[in-house]
């Protein structure tokens, strides 16, 4: 039990230090920027600092900024925000993602008329 408490206290201290990195004035600057410009700057920034700023922004503003980011970078920042370790990337296999086109339907099908006027 004591070990769990110590682990929690360590996590809490790290979390508080993480949030302290996002000073209110810096956050206000990013809140007023265009999402495209803010995403470029946050992409170039340290992940913890960028994630700290995003957590201080209103959700609508933060989501607009993250929407402009490269999906991989946005996912890494989301992992930092949620304190989740990143997953190993799944290799792209072109042959697995492609499905054959659907077969065209037969006109004769089940013998029922297609037009409701014919079905009397």
C-alpha atoms as a PDB file:
ATOM      1  CA  UNK A   1       0.000   0.000   0.000  1.00  0.00           C
ATOM      2  CA  UNK A   2       2.822   2.384   0.900  1.00  0.00           C
ATOM      3  CA  UNK A   3       4.542   1.701  -2.421  1.00  0.00           C
ATOM      4  CA  UNK A   4       1.363   2.629  -4.304  1.00  0.00           C
ATOM      5  CA  UNK A   5       1.070   5.839  -2.325  1.00  0.00           C
ATOM      6  CA  UNK A   6       4.675   6.788  -3.089  1.00  0.00           C
ATOM      7  CA  UNK A   7       4.099   5.997  -6.762  1.00  0.00           C
ATOM      8  CA  UNK A   8       1.003   8.202  -6.794  1.00  0.00           C
ATOM      9  CA  UNK A   9       2.816  11.079  -5.080  1.00  0.00           C
ATOM     10  CA  UNK A  10       5.635  10.859  -7.637  1.00  0.00           C
ATOM     11  CA  UNK A  11       3.093  10.904 -10.465  1.00  0.00           C
ATOM     12  CA  UNK A  12       1.277  13.877  -8.914  1.00  0.00           C
ATOM     13  CA  UNK A  13       4.501  15.880  -8.611  1.00  0.00           C
ATOM     14  CA  UNK A  14       5.367  15.128 -12.250  1.00  0.00           C
ATOM     15  CA  UNK A  15       1.872  16.145 -13.325  1.00  0.00           C
ATOM     16  CA  UNK A  16       2.034  19.446 -11.424  1.00  0.00           C
ATOM     17  CA  UNK A  17       5.442  20.244 -12.912  1.00  0.00           C
ATOM     18  CA  UNK A  18       4.060  19.375 -16.333  1.00  0.00           C
ATOM     19  CA  UNK A  19       1.112  21.765 -15.989  1.00  0.00           C
ATOM     20  CA  UNK A  20       3.313  24.510 -14.577  1.00  0.00           C
ATOM     21  CA  UNK A  21       5.220  24.620 -17.861  1.00  0.00           C
ATOM     22  CA  UNK A  22       2.216  26.170 -19.540  1.00  0.00           C
ATOM     23  CA  UNK A  23       2.294  29.696 -18.190  1.00  0.00           C
ATOM     24  CA  UNK A  24      -0.997  31.558 -18.512  1.00  0.00           C
ATOM     25  CA  UNK A  25       0.435  34.277 -20.706  1.00  0.00           C
ATOM     26  CA  UNK A  26       1.914  31.787 -23.155  1.00  0.00           C
ATOM     27  CA  UNK A  27      -1.368  29.909 -23.228  1.00  0.00           C
ATOM     28  CA  UNK A  28      -3.258  33.127 -23.992  1.00  0.00           C
ATOM     29  CA  UNK A  29      -0.965  33.766 -26.956  1.00  0.00           C
ATOM     30  CA  UNK A  30      -1.654  30.340 -28.450  1.00  0.00           C
ATOM     31  CA  UNK A  31      -5.388  30.711 -27.791  1.00  0.00           C
ATOM     32  CA  UNK A  32      -5.462  33.793 -30.032  1.00  0.00           C
ATOM     33  CA  UNK A  33      -3.351  32.358 -32.860  1.00  0.00           C
ATOM     34  CA  UNK A  34      -4.710  30.787 -36.023  1.00  0.00           C
ATOM     35  CA  UNK A  35      -4.811  26.984 -35.576  1.00  0.00           C
ATOM     36  CA  UNK A  36      -2.449  26.443 -38.533  1.00  0.00           C
ATOM     37  CA  UNK A  37       0.224  28.733 -37.082  1.00  0.00           C
ATOM     38  CA  UNK A  38      -0.183  27.398 -33.547  1.00  0.00           C
ATOM     39  CA  UNK A  39       0.097  23.797 -34.750  1.00  0.00           C
ATOM     40  CA  UNK A  40       3.363  24.533 -36.554  1.00  0.00           C
ATOM     41  CA  UNK A  41       4.884  26.129 -33.481  1.00  0.00           C
ATOM     42  CA  UNK A  42       3.674  23.438 -31.083  1.00  0.00           C
ATOM     43  CA  UNK A  43       4.986  20.772 -33.454  1.00  0.00           C
ATOM     44  CA  UNK A  44       8.466  22.279 -33.213  1.00  0.00           C
ATOM     45  CA  UNK A  45       8.263  22.454 -29.416  1.00  0.00           C
ATOM     46  CA  UNK A  46       9.201  19.904 -26.754  1.00  0.00           C
ATOM     47  CA  UNK A  47       6.352  17.376 -26.408  1.00  0.00           C
ATOM     48  CA  UNK A  48       5.745  18.009 -22.712  1.00  0.00           C
ATOM     49  CA  UNK A  49       5.640  21.774 -23.120  1.00  0.00           C
ATOM     50  CA  UNK A  50       3.349  21.550 -26.164  1.00  0.00           C
ATOM     51  CA  UNK A  51       1.029  19.124 -24.385  1.00  0.00           C
ATOM     52  CA  UNK A  52       0.955  21.358 -21.303  1.00  0.00           C
ATOM     53  CA  UNK A  53      -0.126  24.315 -23.428  1.00  0.00           C
ATOM     54  CA  UNK A  54      -2.812  22.252 -25.160  1.00  0.00           C
ATOM     55  CA  UNK A  55      -4.259  21.161 -21.797  1.00  0.00           C
ATOM     56  CA  UNK A  56      -4.614  24.784 -20.727  1.00  0.00           C
ATOM     57  CA  UNK A  57      -6.489  25.796 -23.867  1.00  0.00           C
ATOM     58  CA  UNK A  58     -10.243  25.506 -24.295  1.00  0.00           C
ATOM     59  CA  UNK A  59     -11.056  22.117 -25.828  1.00  0.00           C
ATOM     60  CA  UNK A  60     -12.408  23.692 -29.021  1.00  0.00           C
ATOM     61  CA  UNK A  61      -9.193  25.674 -29.573  1.00  0.00           C
ATOM     62  CA  UNK A  62      -6.942  22.729 -28.704  1.00  0.00           C
ATOM     63  CA  UNK A  63      -8.819  20.402 -31.046  1.00  0.00           C
ATOM     64  CA  UNK A  64      -8.590  22.909 -33.914  1.00  0.00           C
ATOM     65  CA  UNK A  65      -4.832  23.143 -33.378  1.00  0.00           C
ATOM     66  CA  UNK A  66      -4.363  19.377 -33.145  1.00  0.00           C
ATOM     67  CA  UNK A  67      -6.487  18.937 -36.265  1.00  0.00           C
ATOM     68  CA  UNK A  68      -3.887  20.947 -38.195  1.00  0.00           C
ATOM     69  CA  UNK A  69      -0.987  18.800 -36.958  1.00  0.00           C
ATOM     70  CA  UNK A  70       0.535  15.722 -38.489  1.00  0.00           C
ATOM     71  CA  UNK A  71      -1.570  12.833 -37.103  1.00  0.00           C
ATOM     72  CA  UNK A  72       1.485  11.126 -35.613  1.00  0.00           C
ATOM     73  CA  UNK A  73       2.555  14.246 -33.736  1.00  0.00           C
ATOM     74  CA  UNK A  74      -0.997  14.873 -32.521  1.00  0.00           C
ATOM     75  CA  UNK A  75      -1.194  11.279 -31.276  1.00  0.00           C
ATOM     76  CA  UNK A  76       2.121  11.603 -29.423  1.00  0.00           C
ATOM     77  CA  UNK A  77       0.902  14.802 -27.748  1.00  0.00           C
ATOM     78  CA  UNK A  78      -2.359  13.081 -26.795  1.00  0.00           C
ATOM     79  CA  UNK A  79      -0.269  10.286 -25.247  1.00  0.00           C
ATOM     80  CA  UNK A  80       1.667  12.844 -23.205  1.00  0.00           C
ATOM     81  CA  UNK A  81      -1.565  14.524 -22.098  1.00  0.00           C
ATOM     82  CA  UNK A  82      -3.132  11.231 -21.012  1.00  0.00           C
ATOM     83  CA  UNK A  83       0.177   9.913 -19.622  1.00  0.00           C
ATOM     84  CA  UNK A  84      -0.059   6.907 -21.945  1.00  0.00           C
ATOM     85  CA  UNK A  85       3.053   5.272 -23.372  1.00  0.00           C
ATOM     86  CA  UNK A  86       3.183   5.340 -27.182  1.00  0.00           C
ATOM     87  CA  UNK A  87       2.339   2.161 -29.056  1.00  0.00           C
ATOM     88  CA  UNK A  88       4.663   0.554 -31.528  1.00  0.00           C
ATOM     89  CA  UNK A  89       3.735   1.788 -34.995  1.00  0.00           C
ATOM     90  CA  UNK A  90       1.872  -0.722 -37.108  1.00  0.00           C
ATOM     91  CA  UNK A  91       3.699  -1.302 -40.393  1.00  0.00           C
ATOM     92  CA  UNK A  92       1.724  -0.371 -43.485  1.00  0.00           C
ATOM     93  CA  UNK A  93       0.942  -3.334 -45.682  1.00  0.00           C
ATOM     94  CA  UNK A  94      -0.607  -2.165 -48.951  1.00  0.00           C
ATOM     95  CA  UNK A  95      -2.077  -5.576 -49.792  1.00  0.00           C
ATOM     96  CA  UNK A  96      -4.062  -5.779 -46.518  1.00  0.00           C
ATOM     97  CA  UNK A  97      -5.875  -2.462 -46.879  1.00  0.00           C
ATOM     98  CA  UNK A  98      -7.221  -3.084 -50.363  1.00  0.00           C
ATOM     99  CA  UNK A  99     -10.442  -4.953 -50.873  1.00  0.00           C
ATOM    100  CA  UNK A 100     -11.684  -6.131 -54.244  1.00  0.00           C
ATOM    101  CA  UNK A 101     -14.510  -4.029 -55.690  1.00  0.00           C
ATOM    102  CA  UNK A 102     -17.978  -5.359 -54.954  1.00  0.00           C
ATOM    103  CA  UNK A 103     -19.551  -7.663 -57.533  1.00  0.00           C
ATOM    104  CA  UNK A 104     -22.232  -5.943 -59.631  1.00  0.00           C
ATOM    105  CA  UNK A 105     -25.747  -7.036 -58.777  1.00  0.00           C
ATOM    106  CA  UNK A 106     -27.542  -9.221 -61.228  1.00  0.00           C
ATOM    107  CA  UNK A 107     -30.563  -7.652 -62.927  1.00  0.00           C
ATOM    108  CA  UNK A 108     -32.469 -10.926 -62.636  1.00  0.00           C
ATOM    109  CA  UNK A 109     -31.639 -11.286 -58.930  1.00  0.00           C
ATOM    110  CA  UNK A 110     -34.546 -12.767 -56.992  1.00  0.00           C
ATOM    111  CA  UNK A 111     -37.217 -12.288 -59.629  1.00  0.00           C
ATOM    112  CA  UNK A 112     -39.047  -9.502 -57.771  1.00  0.00           C
ATOM    113  CA  UNK A 113     -39.893  -6.350 -59.703  1.00  0.00           C
ATOM    114  CA  UNK A 114     -37.726  -3.311 -58.922  1.00  0.00           C
ATOM    115  CA  UNK A 115     -40.441  -0.757 -59.572  1.00  0.00           C
ATOM    116  CA  UNK A 116     -43.343  -0.577 -57.118  1.00  0.00           C
ATOM    117  CA  UNK A 117     -45.813   0.106 -59.961  1.00  0.00           C
ATOM    118  CA  UNK A 118     -45.146  -3.375 -61.354  1.00  0.00           C
ATOM    119  CA  UNK A 119     -45.789  -5.137 -58.069  1.00  0.00           C
ATOM    120  CA  UNK A 120     -49.447  -4.775 -58.008  1.00  0.00           C
END
